[in-house]
Amino acid sequence: MDPLNRRDLLRHATMLGAVAMTAKPEASAAPAQTGATAPSADTTRFFPGFKPFKVQTSGAVINGVVGGQGPPILLLHGAPQSHVSWRLVAPKLAATRTVVVPDLRGYGDSSKPPDGEGHVNYSKRAMALDQVEVMKHFGFDKFPVIGQDRGGRVAHRLALDHPGKVTHAAVLDIVPAYYLYTHVTLQFVQAYFHWFNYLRQAPAPENELKATNDAQLAKATSEVQREYLRTMTDPATIHAMCEDYRASASIDLKYDEADQQKRIACPLQVLWRRKARWGGSMTCSPSGKREARTSLASSCRVGTICRKTCPTWCSPRSRRCSRHEREIGARR
């Protein structure tokens, strides 16, 4: 199916918004967003030798763990996870690095700021600034960053907005959101229906997610599953995640459109699942070549997220991201 042109995209987005605005309101599953944080669980049991932290940034309180010694590296998780998704990779990197593993704002045990006008408080720009301030708190003015899924989108914006801070970047399992939203196809909508579902007016998608996650928690059999669902059954976390998606389809697109002529200045590595739901075809689009001055792309053979299922494959590539690797340097 041919991609929608921008005019068609905006028309369909307007129709979607109109449907959402006229939908019958439901009782909200989400409490008012105050920016406050509830007491955090101790997740260091998943990260031997790491310490928990909470850092007040200019817009949120960021929760996470930090461990190891040496040059820094920042790991950013995806949705609907938390920093715990890096539990198999972070300890390996900590053998030679200071590894900072935060919850993005709105996720895990980080605070849930109010939505802001036009979802501004959940824009990738706001999330990226959090991470600059977290790393500054630990004494790092420059650092490499690795982001998966939503964390990859934050890493992308971080590298664009703060080129003097990011020395190297790696993104896992993403195609730039601007490219996706301006090249909507039936294949994309069918594979990623939740992207559009979460855009509906609150609290309809929030209520559906709350019911689904509560049911999953009741059936959870592992400690990791229960930890993910501990926070993802919190109505405030569910609402914040939906706001993240709403921001991606609104204010983030405005920022991305304004930055279409910008390029990521640092070396960029792109990794994706070979069996991704879109078949990997979008990842190899011309968009990738336009995003960075120097880049290296490769796919993972496993059918699920590589940072969890094959940490021995992912960790060496993470280490490569944190230094000047010859293969990228030769392309500069």
Protein backbone atom coordinates (compact mmCIF):
# COMPACT_ATOMS: atom_id res chain seq x y z
CA MET A 1 0.00 0.00 0.00
CA ASP A 2 1.37 3.40 -0.90
CA PRO A 3 2.39 5.66 1.98
CA LEU A 4 -0.02 8.43 2.87
CA ASN A 5 1.16 11.87 1.89
CA ARG A 6 1.41 14.51 4.59
CA ARG A 7 -1.96 16.08 3.73
CA ASP A 8 -3.69 12.69 4.04
CA LEU A 9 -1.86 12.01 7.29
CA LEU A 10 -3.04 15.27 8.82
CA ARG A 11 -6.59 14.63 7.59
CA HIS A 12 -6.66 11.18 9.16
CA ALA A 13 -5.12 12.50 12.37
CA THR A 14 -7.81 15.19 12.50
CA MET A 15 -10.52 12.56 12.03
CA LEU A 16 -9.01 10.43 14.79
CA GLY A 17 -8.92 13.42 17.09
CA ALA A 18 -12.52 14.29 16.31
CA VAL A 19 -13.65 10.76 17.13
CA ALA A 20 -11.74 10.88 20.39
CA MET A 21 -13.24 14.24 21.33
CA THR A 22 -16.78 13.02 20.73
CA ALA A 23 -16.33 9.71 22.51
CA LYS A 24 -18.38 9.22 25.62
CA PRO A 25 -16.24 10.10 28.65
CA GLU A 26 -15.40 7.26 31.01
CA ALA A 27 -14.45 7.30 34.63
CA SER A 28 -10.75 8.02 34.76
CA ALA A 29 -8.34 5.34 35.91
CA ALA A 30 -5.59 7.92 36.34
CA PRO A 31 -5.28 10.26 39.32
CA ALA A 32 -4.33 13.89 38.85
CA GLN A 33 -0.72 14.24 37.79
CA THR A 34 1.19 16.00 40.53
CA GLY A 35 4.79 15.17 39.70
CA ALA A 36 5.13 13.40 43.05
CA THR A 37 6.81 10.02 43.36
CA ALA A 38 5.57 7.09 45.38
CA PRO A 39 8.04 5.07 47.48
CA SER A 40 10.25 3.01 45.18
CA ALA A 41 10.89 -0.70 45.34
CA ASP A 42 14.50 -1.80 45.68
CA THR A 43 15.46 -3.07 42.22
CA THR A 44 19.15 -3.54 43.00
CA ARG A 45 18.41 -7.25 43.41
CA PHE A 46 18.40 -7.31 39.60
CA PHE A 47 21.68 -5.35 39.42
CA PRO A 48 24.39 -6.84 41.69
CA GLY A 49 26.76 -4.16 42.95
CA PHE A 50 24.59 -1.24 41.75
CA LYS A 51 23.13 1.50 43.94
CA PRO A 52 19.69 3.13 43.64
CA PHE A 53 19.36 6.85 42.96
CA LYS A 54 16.80 9.59 42.65
CA VAL A 55 17.83 12.81 40.90
CA GLN A 56 15.73 15.98 40.82
CA THR A 57 15.91 17.47 37.33
CA SER A 58 14.34 20.71 36.18
CA GLY A 59 11.17 18.84 35.20
CA ALA A 60 10.97 15.54 37.07
CA VAL A 61 12.45 13.24 39.69
CA ILE A 62 14.36 10.50 37.89
CA ASN A 63 14.73 7.11 39.55
CA GLY A 64 17.28 4.49 38.60
CA VAL A 65 20.41 2.54 39.48
CA VAL A 66 24.10 3.25 38.92
CA GLY A 67 27.09 0.93 39.12
CA GLY A 68 30.62 0.22 38.02
CA GLN A 69 33.62 2.51 37.59
CA GLY A 70 35.26 4.17 34.65
CA PRO A 71 33.98 6.11 31.63
CA PRO A 72 30.20 6.65 31.64
CA ILE A 73 27.47 5.04 29.60
CA LEU A 74 23.73 5.79 29.73
CA LEU A 75 21.11 3.08 29.07
CA LEU A 76 17.51 4.06 28.26
CA HIS A 77 14.64 1.55 28.35
CA GLY A 78 11.53 1.18 26.22
CA ALA A 79 7.77 0.87 26.83
CA PRO A 80 6.09 -0.56 28.76
CA GLN A 81 9.22 -1.48 30.70
CA SER A 82 11.46 0.25 33.22
CA HIS A 83 15.22 0.36 33.85
CA VAL A 84 14.93 -3.31 34.91
CA SER A 85 14.92 -4.27 31.21
CA TRP A 86 18.70 -3.66 31.18
CA ARG A 87 19.37 -6.10 34.04
CA LEU A 88 21.25 -8.61 31.84
CA VAL A 89 23.40 -6.04 30.04
CA ALA A 90 24.24 -3.40 32.66
CA PRO A 91 26.30 -5.65 34.98
CA LYS A 92 28.49 -6.75 32.05
CA LEU A 93 29.17 -3.14 31.07
CA ALA A 94 29.87 -2.21 34.71
CA ALA A 95 33.07 -4.27 34.58
CA THR A 96 34.72 -1.36 32.74
CA ARG A 97 32.19 1.50 32.83
CA THR A 98 30.12 3.66 35.12
CA VAL A 99 26.67 2.55 34.01
CA VAL A 100 23.70 4.84 34.62
CA VAL A 101 20.31 3.13 34.16
CA PRO A 102 17.32 5.45 34.76
CA ASP A 103 13.58 5.19 34.46
CA LEU A 104 12.34 7.67 31.88
CA ARG A 105 10.02 10.31 33.32
CA GLY A 106 6.55 8.82 33.74
CA TYR A 107 7.86 5.25 33.81
CA GLY A 108 8.93 2.95 36.61
CA ASP A 109 9.48 4.86 39.82
CA SER A 110 10.34 8.19 38.20
CA SER A 111 7.86 10.99 38.81
CA LYS A 112 4.83 11.60 36.63
CA PRO A 113 4.72 15.32 35.77
CA PRO A 114 1.47 16.98 34.68
CA ASP A 115 0.79 16.57 30.96
CA GLY A 116 1.50 20.18 30.07
CA GLU A 117 0.06 22.08 27.13
CA GLY A 118 0.05 19.92 24.02
CA HIS A 119 1.65 17.01 25.94
CA VAL A 120 4.87 19.03 26.21
CA ASN A 121 6.00 17.43 29.46
CA TYR A 122 6.18 14.04 27.76
CA SER A 123 7.98 15.24 24.65
CA LYS A 124 11.26 13.51 23.85
CA ARG A 125 12.90 16.92 24.25
CA ALA A 126 11.83 17.07 27.90
CA MET A 127 12.85 13.45 28.47
CA ALA A 128 16.24 14.05 26.86
CA LEU A 129 16.92 17.07 29.06
CA ASP A 130 16.23 14.91 32.13
CA GLN A 131 19.05 12.60 31.08
CA VAL A 132 21.53 15.41 30.50
CA GLU A 133 20.81 16.63 34.02
CA VAL A 134 21.05 13.13 35.50
CA MET A 135 24.46 12.59 33.91
CA LYS A 136 25.61 16.02 35.09
CA HIS A 137 24.55 15.02 38.62
CA PHE A 138 27.01 12.13 38.42
CA GLY A 139 29.76 14.40 37.10
CA PHE A 140 29.57 13.52 33.40
CA ASP A 141 29.34 16.33 30.85
CA LYS A 142 29.90 14.01 27.89
CA PHE A 143 28.77 10.41 27.51
CA PRO A 144 27.59 7.71 25.09
CA VAL A 145 23.93 6.69 25.16
CA ILE A 146 22.11 3.50 24.18
CA GLY A 147 18.33 3.54 23.87
CA GLN A 148 15.83 0.82 23.02
CA ASP A 149 12.27 1.41 21.77
CA ARG A 150 10.97 4.62 23.41
CA GLY A 151 14.41 5.05 24.95
CA GLY A 152 15.83 5.00 21.42
CA ARG A 153 13.57 7.93 20.53
CA VAL A 154 14.82 9.81 23.58
CA ALA A 155 18.42 9.00 22.59
CA HIS A 156 17.69 10.29 19.08
CA ARG A 157 16.39 13.60 20.43
CA LEU A 158 19.21 13.76 22.99
CA ALA A 159 21.81 13.53 20.22
CA LEU A 160 20.04 16.23 18.17
CA ASP A 161 19.44 18.69 21.02
CA HIS A 162 22.71 18.17 22.88
CA PRO A 163 25.42 17.35 20.32
CA GLY A 164 28.12 18.57 22.68
CA LYS A 165 27.04 16.05 25.32
CA VAL A 166 26.62 12.81 23.35
CA THR A 167 29.88 11.24 22.17
CA HIS A 168 28.32 8.13 20.62
CA ALA A 169 24.77 6.87 20.26
CA ALA A 170 23.12 3.52 19.59
CA VAL A 171 19.42 2.94 19.02
CA LEU A 172 17.68 -0.44 19.13
CA ASP A 173 14.42 -1.37 17.43
CA ILE A 174 13.31 2.04 16.16
CA VAL A 175 12.67 3.95 12.99
CA PRO A 176 12.38 7.74 13.48
CA ALA A 177 8.80 8.55 14.46
CA TYR A 178 8.61 11.41 11.96
CA TYR A 179 9.35 9.00 9.11
CA LEU A 180 6.76 6.52 10.33
CA TYR A 181 4.00 9.07 10.82
CA THR A 182 4.63 10.58 7.39
CA HIS A 183 4.76 7.16 5.71
CA VAL A 184 1.73 5.46 7.24
CA THR A 185 0.83 2.19 5.55
CA LEU A 186 -1.70 -0.52 6.28
CA GLN A 187 1.18 -2.80 7.28
CA PHE A 188 2.39 -0.29 9.86
CA VAL A 189 -1.07 0.31 11.35
CA GLN A 190 -1.78 -3.41 11.62
CA ALA A 191 1.58 -4.14 13.25
CA TYR A 192 1.51 -1.13 15.57
CA PHE A 193 -2.15 -0.55 16.26
CA HIS A 194 -1.35 0.39 19.87
CA TRP A 195 0.46 3.52 18.60
CA PHE A 196 -2.88 4.82 17.36
CA ASN A 197 -4.97 3.30 20.13
CA TYR A 198 -3.05 5.20 22.84
CA LEU A 199 -3.65 8.51 21.04
CA ARG A 200 -7.32 8.48 21.97
CA GLN A 201 -8.56 10.92 24.55
CA ALA A 202 -7.95 9.94 28.17
CA PRO A 203 -9.08 7.92 29.99
CA ALA A 204 -10.33 5.37 27.42
CA PRO A 205 -6.97 3.75 26.56
CA GLU A 206 -5.79 4.12 30.16
CA ASN A 207 -8.80 2.20 31.47
CA GLU A 208 -8.26 -0.59 28.94
CA LEU A 209 -4.57 -0.89 29.83
CA LYS A 210 -5.34 -0.89 33.55
CA ALA A 211 -7.71 -3.84 33.16
CA THR A 212 -5.26 -5.73 30.93
CA ASN A 213 -2.27 -5.14 33.20
CA ASP A 214 -4.19 -6.08 36.34
CA ALA A 215 -5.11 -9.38 34.71
CA GLN A 216 -1.50 -10.00 33.68
CA LEU A 217 -0.26 -9.26 37.18
CA ALA A 218 -2.68 -11.82 38.61
CA LYS A 219 -1.15 -14.45 36.29
CA ALA A 220 2.49 -13.35 36.56
CA THR A 221 4.85 -16.20 37.41
CA SER A 222 8.29 -14.57 37.56
CA GLU A 223 9.83 -11.89 39.73
CA VAL A 224 10.69 -9.81 36.67
CA GLN A 225 7.12 -9.92 35.35
CA ARG A 226 5.79 -8.87 38.73
CA GLU A 227 8.29 -6.01 38.90
CA TYR A 228 7.28 -4.65 35.49
CA LEU A 229 3.59 -4.93 36.36
CA ARG A 230 4.07 -3.40 39.81
CA THR A 231 4.52 -0.04 38.11
CA MET A 232 2.46 -0.71 34.98
CA THR A 233 -0.67 -1.32 37.05
CA ASP A 234 -0.25 2.14 38.58
CA PRO A 235 -2.83 4.41 36.88
CA ALA A 236 -0.38 7.33 36.94
CA THR A 237 2.26 5.30 35.09
CA ILE A 238 -0.28 4.07 32.54
CA HIS A 239 -1.44 7.62 31.87
CA ALA A 240 2.15 8.85 31.56
CA MET A 241 2.93 6.17 28.98
CA CYS A 242 -0.10 7.18 26.93
CA GLU A 243 1.07 10.79 27.15
CA ASP A 244 4.45 9.67 25.79
CA TYR A 245 2.67 8.25 22.71
CA ARG A 246 0.43 11.32 22.38
CA ALA A 247 3.49 13.56 22.48
CA SER A 248 5.13 11.47 19.74
CA ALA A 249 2.19 12.11 17.42
CA SER A 250 1.92 15.83 18.18
CA ILE A 251 4.58 18.07 19.69
CA ASP A 252 7.44 15.70 18.87
CA LEU A 253 6.45 15.83 15.19
CA LYS A 254 6.69 19.63 15.29
CA TYR A 255 10.18 19.44 16.77
CA ASP A 256 11.20 16.78 14.25
CA GLU A 257 9.86 18.74 11.31
CA ALA A 258 11.79 21.82 12.42
CA ASP A 259 14.97 19.71 12.63
CA GLN A 260 14.72 17.90 9.29
CA GLN A 261 17.96 19.48 8.12
CA LYS A 262 19.82 18.53 11.30
CA ARG A 263 22.05 15.48 11.45
CA ILE A 264 23.28 13.52 14.43
CA ALA A 265 26.88 14.65 14.75
CA CYS A 266 28.28 11.73 16.74
CA PRO A 267 28.84 8.17 15.47
CA LEU A 268 25.51 6.32 15.46
CA GLN A 269 24.88 2.58 15.59
CA VAL A 270 21.45 1.18 14.64
CA LEU A 271 20.40 -2.32 15.74
CA TRP A 272 17.10 -4.04 15.07
CA ARG A 273 15.41 -7.42 15.34
CA ARG A 274 15.56 -9.32 12.09
CA LYS A 275 12.08 -10.64 12.86
CA ALA A 276 10.61 -7.26 13.77
CA ARG A 277 6.88 -6.89 13.13
CA TRP A 278 7.51 -4.66 10.14
CA GLY A 279 9.92 -7.27 8.75
CA GLY A 280 12.93 -4.99 9.13
CA SER A 281 12.09 -3.22 5.85
CA MET A 282 11.38 0.16 7.40
CA THR A 283 14.61 0.10 9.36
CA CYS A 284 16.54 -0.01 6.09
CA SER A 285 14.65 2.97 4.68
CA PRO A 286 16.40 6.09 3.33
CA SER A 287 15.43 7.73 6.63
CA GLY A 288 18.29 6.03 8.41
CA LYS A 289 20.86 7.48 6.05
CA ARG A 290 19.50 10.98 6.55
CA GLU A 291 19.65 10.89 10.34
CA ALA A 292 23.39 10.83 11.00
CA ARG A 293 26.67 11.88 9.45
CA THR A 294 28.26 8.53 10.34
CA SER A 295 26.30 5.37 11.03
CA LEU A 296 26.56 1.60 11.22
CA ALA A 297 23.50 -0.66 11.02
CA SER A 298 23.00 -4.36 11.67
CA SER A 299 20.26 -6.78 12.67
CA CYS A 300 19.91 -9.35 15.44
CA ARG A 301 18.94 -12.93 14.56
CA VAL A 302 16.70 -13.49 17.56
CA GLY A 303 13.01 -12.79 17.33
CA THR A 304 12.69 -10.79 20.54
CA ILE A 305 14.36 -7.75 22.01
CA CYS A 306 18.08 -8.36 21.86
CA ARG A 307 19.11 -6.58 25.08
CA LYS A 308 17.06 -9.15 27.04
CA THR A 309 17.39 -12.33 25.03
CA CYS A 310 21.01 -12.24 23.93
CA PRO A 311 22.99 -10.00 26.30
CA THR A 312 26.24 -11.61 25.20
CA TRP A 313 25.50 -10.36 21.67
CA CYS A 314 24.30 -6.95 22.78
CA SER A 315 26.96 -6.12 25.38
CA PRO A 316 29.99 -6.15 23.05
CA ARG A 317 28.11 -3.79 20.74
CA SER A 318 27.27 -1.60 23.70
CA ARG A 319 30.95 -1.45 24.57
CA ARG A 320 31.75 -0.54 20.97
CA CYS A 321 29.32 2.37 21.21
CA SER A 322 31.25 3.78 24.17
CA ARG A 323 34.55 4.19 22.31
CA HIS A 324 35.77 5.31 18.90
CA GLU A 325 35.42 2.16 16.88
CA ARG A 326 37.50 1.81 13.76
CA GLU A 327 34.63 0.82 11.47
CA ILE A 328 32.68 4.01 12.15
CA GLY A 329 35.76 6.18 12.35
CA ALA A 330 36.74 5.14 8.84
CA ARG A 331 33.43 6.55 7.54
CA ARG A 332 33.81 9.99 9.12
